[in-house]
Amino acid sequence: MRFQGLDLNLLVALDVLIEERSVSRSAERLHLSQPAMSAALRRLRDYFNDPILAAHGKKMIPTPHALRLRGALRVLLTDIERMVSLSTQFDPATSQRRFRVGTSDYLAIVLFTRLVPEFERIAPGITLELIQPSDAMGTMLDQGELDLVITPAEHASAEHPSELLFEERHVVAGWSGNPLVQAPLSEQDFLASGHVAVEIGRLRPTSFAEKFLREQAKERRIEVLVSSFAVAPEMLVNTHRLAVMHERLAKAYAERLPIRFVEMPFPFPVMREMLQYNRTRSEDAGLRWFIDQAKRLTNHKQD
């Protein structure tokens, strides 16, 4: 389709080029060849009479005009996505939709390892793109760049709807050779032990567990600090360190690694994991289907 001489398919290419700042990465993301992506950039340059991307040393950076275009472009693409979602029925068996989900590696392990095989069976054309949490996550949700964000209730935005996915307990995990995880753990031993802790981001660095422990002044000796929930269990093996861990994650890793877990030695709040989406997507049939599938799988009794 053309509008005032512009091939509207180029708008998606323009958005990705500005974000990726690379022809090769943009081509990979849009499943195009690099020559095809280069051709799209040439056509955009001709139409807007602007380089769009300019060389800066070994890097490519968007021009000031390209950055001005992107504000209007994001609004336009978001409106188109909303229009399509409102005007069509969603059929998972035939859909070619890409779902972009902001989620932690913890949820990638305990939720998406179950969703992915299910989607292959009932929705083979769907693509999942999992985006790691970052300080930009809220902005991406506001701008419609994410279909969903899955986050603890305390981190959910008040500006957009959210729904409970599941509730999660926390446990204390350790190497199977650590005597502290062979029997009920005392608070004194918990605090005296070395620990592996997880912190994510810079502006909001603490996880749900770390935030609670700090608020309760549960001072312990953190000897290993990682930015990934999935790495923490690996750091326990062959050591006498402990880690506060989501119970679902601890169960998953206890099947793969020589680790055990025990109850927290003091009262610990339940974490409420929420599904959140942009308020403009409340009638998106495809998104509703995705949410229902996630809830169905997490509500099934796990072995």
Protein backbone atom coordinates (compact mmCIF):
# COMPACT_ATOMS: atom_id res chain seq x y z
CA MET A 1 0.00 0.00 0.00
CA ARG A 2 1.10 3.53 -0.71
CA PHE A 3 0.08 6.75 0.98
CA GLN A 4 1.21 9.97 -0.66
CA GLY A 5 3.87 8.02 -2.51
CA LEU A 6 5.21 6.14 0.55
CA ASP A 7 5.15 2.36 0.70
CA LEU A 8 3.56 1.83 4.13
CA ASN A 9 5.55 -1.36 4.65
CA LEU A 10 8.60 0.88 4.97
CA LEU A 11 7.24 2.36 8.20
CA VAL A 12 7.94 -0.84 10.08
CA ALA A 13 11.44 -0.94 8.57
CA LEU A 14 12.00 2.67 9.62
CA ASP A 15 10.98 1.95 13.21
CA VAL A 16 13.29 -1.06 13.48
CA LEU A 17 16.22 0.71 11.81
CA ILE A 18 16.00 3.58 14.29
CA GLU A 19 15.84 1.17 17.22
CA GLU A 20 18.52 -1.28 16.11
CA ARG A 21 20.87 1.29 14.50
CA SER A 22 22.11 -1.48 12.24
CA VAL A 23 21.05 -2.73 8.82
CA SER A 24 22.12 -6.31 9.55
CA ARG A 25 20.34 -6.52 12.93
CA SER A 26 17.23 -4.92 11.44
CA ALA A 27 17.24 -7.42 8.59
CA GLU A 28 17.53 -10.31 11.05
CA ARG A 29 14.71 -8.99 13.20
CA LEU A 30 12.37 -8.52 10.22
CA HIS A 31 13.42 -11.83 8.62
CA LEU A 32 14.75 -10.06 5.52
CA SER A 33 18.00 -10.40 3.62
CA GLN A 34 20.59 -7.69 4.22
CA PRO A 35 20.36 -6.44 0.60
CA ALA A 36 16.56 -6.11 1.00
CA MET A 37 17.03 -4.12 4.22
CA SER A 38 19.63 -1.90 2.58
CA ALA A 39 17.21 -1.26 -0.27
CA ALA A 40 14.51 -0.28 2.23
CA LEU A 41 16.89 2.18 3.88
CA ARG A 42 17.73 3.73 0.47
CA ARG A 43 14.02 4.19 -0.29
CA LEU A 44 13.44 5.80 3.10
CA ARG A 45 16.36 8.15 2.55
CA ASP A 46 14.98 9.15 -0.85
CA TYR A 47 11.45 9.71 0.44
CA PHE A 48 12.38 11.73 3.54
CA ASN A 49 15.40 13.38 1.92
CA ASP A 50 17.42 12.48 5.00
CA PRO A 51 20.13 9.88 5.74
CA ILE A 52 17.98 8.35 8.55
CA LEU A 53 21.12 6.58 9.88
CA ALA A 54 24.50 8.30 9.76
CA ALA A 55 27.95 6.84 10.33
CA HIS A 56 29.62 7.86 13.58
CA GLY A 57 32.96 6.10 13.78
CA LYS A 58 32.16 2.40 13.48
CA LYS A 59 28.57 2.92 14.63
CA MET A 60 25.39 4.10 12.96
CA ILE A 61 23.24 6.63 14.79
CA PRO A 62 19.78 8.01 13.90
CA THR A 63 19.75 11.52 12.52
CA PRO A 64 17.85 14.26 14.42
CA HIS A 65 15.12 14.10 11.78
CA ALA A 66 14.79 10.32 12.19
CA LEU A 67 14.41 10.75 15.95
CA ARG A 68 11.70 13.37 15.40
CA LEU A 69 9.89 10.99 13.05
CA ARG A 70 10.01 8.14 15.55
CA GLY A 71 7.69 9.81 18.08
CA ALA A 72 4.89 10.06 15.53
CA LEU A 73 5.82 6.69 14.06
CA ARG A 74 5.40 4.84 17.38
CA VAL A 75 1.95 6.40 17.88
CA LEU A 76 0.95 5.46 14.32
CA LEU A 77 2.13 1.83 14.57
CA THR A 78 0.51 1.40 17.99
CA ASP A 79 -2.79 2.75 16.63
CA ILE A 80 -2.59 0.37 13.65
CA GLU A 81 -1.94 -2.60 15.94
CA ARG A 82 -4.92 -1.61 18.09
CA MET A 83 -7.13 -1.17 15.03
CA VAL A 84 -6.19 -4.63 13.71
CA SER A 85 -6.80 -6.26 17.08
CA LEU A 86 -10.26 -4.69 17.33
CA SER A 87 -11.33 -5.45 13.79
CA THR A 88 -10.34 -9.09 13.42
CA GLN A 89 -11.01 -12.42 15.05
CA PHE A 90 -7.95 -14.11 16.51
CA ASP A 91 -7.34 -17.66 15.33
CA PRO A 92 -4.28 -19.15 17.06
CA ALA A 93 -4.10 -21.99 14.54
CA THR A 94 -3.43 -19.59 11.65
CA SER A 95 -2.06 -16.44 13.33
CA GLN A 96 1.43 -15.21 12.42
CA ARG A 97 1.52 -12.72 15.28
CA ARG A 98 4.64 -11.85 17.28
CA PHE A 99 4.11 -11.38 21.02
CA ARG A 100 6.72 -9.23 22.79
CA VAL A 101 6.75 -9.94 26.53
CA GLY A 102 8.79 -8.24 29.22
CA THR A 103 9.68 -10.98 31.67
CA SER A 104 12.46 -12.30 33.89
CA ASP A 105 14.57 -15.39 33.27
CA TYR A 106 12.86 -16.91 36.32
CA LEU A 107 9.53 -16.81 34.44
CA ALA A 108 11.19 -17.96 31.24
CA ILE A 109 12.07 -21.15 33.12
CA VAL A 110 8.93 -21.78 35.19
CA LEU A 111 6.30 -20.49 32.72
CA PHE A 112 7.58 -20.19 29.17
CA THR A 113 9.24 -23.61 29.07
CA ARG A 114 5.67 -24.87 29.42
CA LEU A 115 4.05 -22.31 27.09
CA VAL A 116 6.47 -22.77 24.19
CA PRO A 117 5.69 -26.46 23.50
CA GLU A 118 1.99 -25.77 23.98
CA PHE A 119 2.10 -22.91 21.47
CA GLU A 120 3.95 -25.10 18.97
CA ARG A 121 1.03 -27.50 19.18
CA ILE A 122 -1.93 -25.10 19.07
CA ALA A 123 -0.45 -21.93 17.50
CA PRO A 124 2.50 -22.94 15.31
CA GLY A 125 2.73 -19.62 13.45
CA ILE A 126 3.12 -17.46 16.57
CA THR A 127 6.49 -15.94 17.49
CA LEU A 128 7.48 -15.18 21.08
CA GLU A 129 10.03 -12.50 21.90
CA LEU A 130 11.01 -12.39 25.58
CA ILE A 131 12.52 -9.10 26.73
CA GLN A 132 14.63 -9.06 29.90
CA PRO A 133 13.61 -6.54 32.61
CA SER A 134 15.35 -3.19 32.39
CA ASP A 135 14.92 0.38 33.53
CA ALA A 136 13.21 1.10 30.17
CA MET A 137 10.48 -1.51 30.65
CA GLY A 138 7.86 0.97 31.87
CA THR A 139 8.46 3.29 28.92
CA MET A 140 8.21 0.39 26.49
CA LEU A 141 4.85 -0.59 27.99
CA ASP A 142 3.60 3.02 27.82
CA GLN A 143 4.58 3.30 24.15
CA GLY A 144 2.97 0.02 23.17
CA GLU A 145 6.30 -1.63 22.31
CA LEU A 146 5.46 -4.58 24.57
CA ASP A 147 2.31 -6.69 24.46
CA LEU A 148 2.71 -7.81 28.07
CA VAL A 149 4.86 -7.25 31.12
CA ILE A 150 4.92 -9.94 33.81
CA THR A 151 6.08 -8.43 37.09
CA PRO A 152 5.52 -8.53 40.85
CA ALA A 153 2.54 -6.43 41.93
CA GLU A 154 4.83 -3.95 43.68
CA HIS A 155 6.49 -3.08 40.37
CA ALA A 156 3.31 -2.87 38.25
CA SER A 157 2.35 0.50 36.79
CA ALA A 158 -0.75 2.22 38.13
CA GLU A 159 -1.40 3.58 34.62
CA HIS A 160 -2.31 0.25 32.99
CA PRO A 161 -4.56 -2.75 33.74
CA SER A 162 -3.05 -5.77 35.45
CA GLU A 163 -4.28 -9.28 36.30
CA LEU A 164 -3.00 -11.85 38.77
CA LEU A 165 -1.09 -14.68 37.08
CA PHE A 166 -0.12 -16.64 40.20
CA GLU A 167 1.18 -16.34 43.75
CA GLU A 168 4.70 -17.47 44.58
CA ARG A 169 6.40 -18.50 47.81
CA HIS A 170 10.10 -18.10 48.53
CA VAL A 171 12.40 -20.75 49.98
CA VAL A 172 16.07 -21.05 50.96
CA ALA A 173 18.16 -23.12 48.56
CA GLY A 174 21.62 -24.57 48.91
CA TRP A 175 23.96 -27.28 47.61
CA SER A 176 22.81 -30.77 48.57
CA GLY A 177 26.06 -31.22 50.50
CA ASN A 178 25.37 -28.17 52.67
CA PRO A 179 24.22 -29.34 56.13
CA LEU A 180 22.06 -26.22 56.54
CA VAL A 181 19.55 -27.49 53.96
CA GLN A 182 19.27 -30.99 55.40
CA ALA A 183 16.93 -29.89 58.22
CA PRO A 184 14.80 -26.89 59.22
CA LEU A 185 16.94 -23.76 59.03
CA SER A 186 17.23 -21.33 61.92
CA GLU A 187 17.20 -17.58 61.38
CA GLN A 188 20.58 -17.34 63.11
CA ASP A 189 22.19 -19.81 60.69
CA PHE A 190 20.49 -18.10 57.76
CA LEU A 191 21.92 -14.71 58.66
CA ALA A 192 25.39 -16.07 59.52
CA SER A 193 25.81 -17.94 56.24
CA GLY A 194 27.30 -16.60 53.02
CA HIS A 195 24.67 -15.82 50.37
CA VAL A 196 24.13 -15.58 46.63
CA ALA A 197 21.83 -12.64 45.80
CA VAL A 198 20.12 -11.36 42.64
CA GLU A 199 19.86 -7.71 41.66
CA ILE A 200 18.40 -6.44 38.40
CA GLY A 201 18.76 -3.04 36.75
CA ARG A 202 20.33 0.16 38.01
CA LEU A 203 17.43 2.48 38.86
CA ARG A 204 15.43 -0.31 40.53
CA PRO A 205 18.14 -2.77 41.49
CA THR A 206 16.39 -5.02 44.00
CA SER A 207 14.32 -8.12 43.39
CA PHE A 208 11.15 -8.78 45.40
CA ALA A 209 13.07 -10.93 47.90
CA GLU A 210 15.97 -8.50 48.32
CA LYS A 211 13.58 -5.59 48.82
CA PHE A 212 11.78 -7.38 51.64
CA LEU A 213 14.99 -8.53 53.33
CA ARG A 214 16.38 -4.99 53.30
CA GLU A 215 13.16 -3.51 54.64
CA GLN A 216 13.22 -6.03 57.48
CA ALA A 217 16.90 -5.31 58.19
CA LYS A 218 17.81 -8.97 57.69
CA GLU A 219 21.52 -8.32 57.30
CA ARG A 220 23.48 -11.20 55.87
CA ARG A 221 26.83 -11.72 54.17
CA ILE A 222 26.32 -11.49 50.39
CA GLU A 223 29.35 -13.14 48.82
CA VAL A 224 28.12 -13.52 45.23
CA LEU A 225 25.92 -11.00 43.42
CA VAL A 226 24.40 -11.91 40.04
CA SER A 227 21.94 -10.25 37.67
CA SER A 228 20.11 -13.45 36.70
CA PHE A 229 17.78 -15.68 38.69
CA ALA A 230 18.84 -18.59 36.48
CA VAL A 231 22.51 -18.18 37.41
CA ALA A 232 21.99 -18.10 41.18
CA PRO A 233 21.38 -21.88 41.59
CA GLU A 234 24.58 -22.64 39.69
CA MET A 235 26.54 -20.53 42.17
CA LEU A 236 25.42 -22.71 45.08
CA VAL A 237 26.86 -26.02 43.89
CA ASN A 238 29.92 -27.21 45.86
CA THR A 239 29.66 -24.27 48.28
CA HIS A 240 28.07 -23.68 51.68
CA ARG A 241 26.28 -20.55 50.51
CA LEU A 242 22.50 -20.06 50.56
CA ALA A 243 20.11 -18.24 48.26
CA VAL A 244 16.55 -17.01 48.73
CA MET A 245 14.74 -18.35 45.69
CA HIS A 246 11.27 -18.60 44.16
CA GLU A 247 9.83 -21.97 45.10
CA ARG A 248 8.91 -22.87 41.51
CA LEU A 249 12.45 -22.06 40.38
CA ALA A 250 13.98 -24.05 43.25
CA LYS A 251 11.85 -27.07 42.30
CA ALA A 252 12.92 -26.80 38.66
CA TYR A 253 16.62 -26.61 39.51
CA ALA A 254 16.46 -29.34 42.14
CA GLU A 255 15.66 -31.68 39.23
CA ARG A 256 18.73 -30.53 37.28
CA LEU A 257 21.38 -29.73 39.88
CA PRO A 258 22.48 -31.15 43.26
CA ILE A 259 20.59 -28.55 45.29
CA ARG A 260 17.95 -28.76 48.03
CA PHE A 261 15.62 -26.18 49.53
CA VAL A 262 13.96 -25.60 52.90
CA GLU A 263 11.33 -23.24 54.31
CA MET A 264 12.21 -19.64 55.10
CA PRO A 265 13.22 -19.40 58.79
CA PHE A 266 10.97 -16.37 59.39
CA PRO A 267 7.66 -15.06 57.99
CA PHE A 268 8.04 -14.06 54.34
CA PRO A 269 5.32 -12.47 52.17
CA VAL A 270 3.80 -14.21 49.17
CA MET A 271 4.78 -12.60 45.86
CA ARG A 272 1.89 -11.82 43.50
CA GLU A 273 3.05 -12.15 39.89
CA MET A 274 0.97 -9.88 37.64
CA LEU A 275 0.23 -9.75 33.91
CA GLN A 276 0.13 -6.13 32.74
CA TYR A 277 -0.75 -4.68 29.34
CA ASN A 278 -1.20 -1.23 27.84
CA ARG A 279 -4.65 0.20 28.58
CA THR A 280 -5.29 0.55 24.82
CA ARG A 281 -5.04 -3.27 24.42
CA SER A 282 -7.90 -4.20 26.74
CA GLU A 283 -10.01 -5.49 23.81
CA ASP A 284 -7.17 -7.20 21.94
CA ALA A 285 -8.50 -10.71 21.21
CA GLY A 286 -5.04 -12.16 20.60
CA LEU A 287 -3.68 -10.76 23.84
CA ARG A 288 -6.70 -12.11 25.72
CA TRP A 289 -5.99 -15.55 24.27
CA PHE A 290 -2.33 -15.33 25.34
CA ILE A 291 -3.26 -14.33 28.89
CA ASP A 292 -5.80 -17.13 29.16
CA GLN A 293 -3.19 -19.69 28.03
CA ALA A 294 -0.67 -18.43 30.60
CA LYS A 295 -3.24 -18.60 33.38
CA ARG A 296 -4.41 -22.04 32.35
CA LEU A 297 -0.92 -23.51 32.44
CA THR A 298 0.08 -21.91 35.73
CA ASN A 299 -3.15 -23.02 37.38
CA HIS A 300 -2.55 -26.63 36.39
CA LYS A 301 -1.10 -28.69 39.20
CA GLN A 302 2.61 -29.08 38.60
CA ASP A 303 4.36 -32.36 39.24
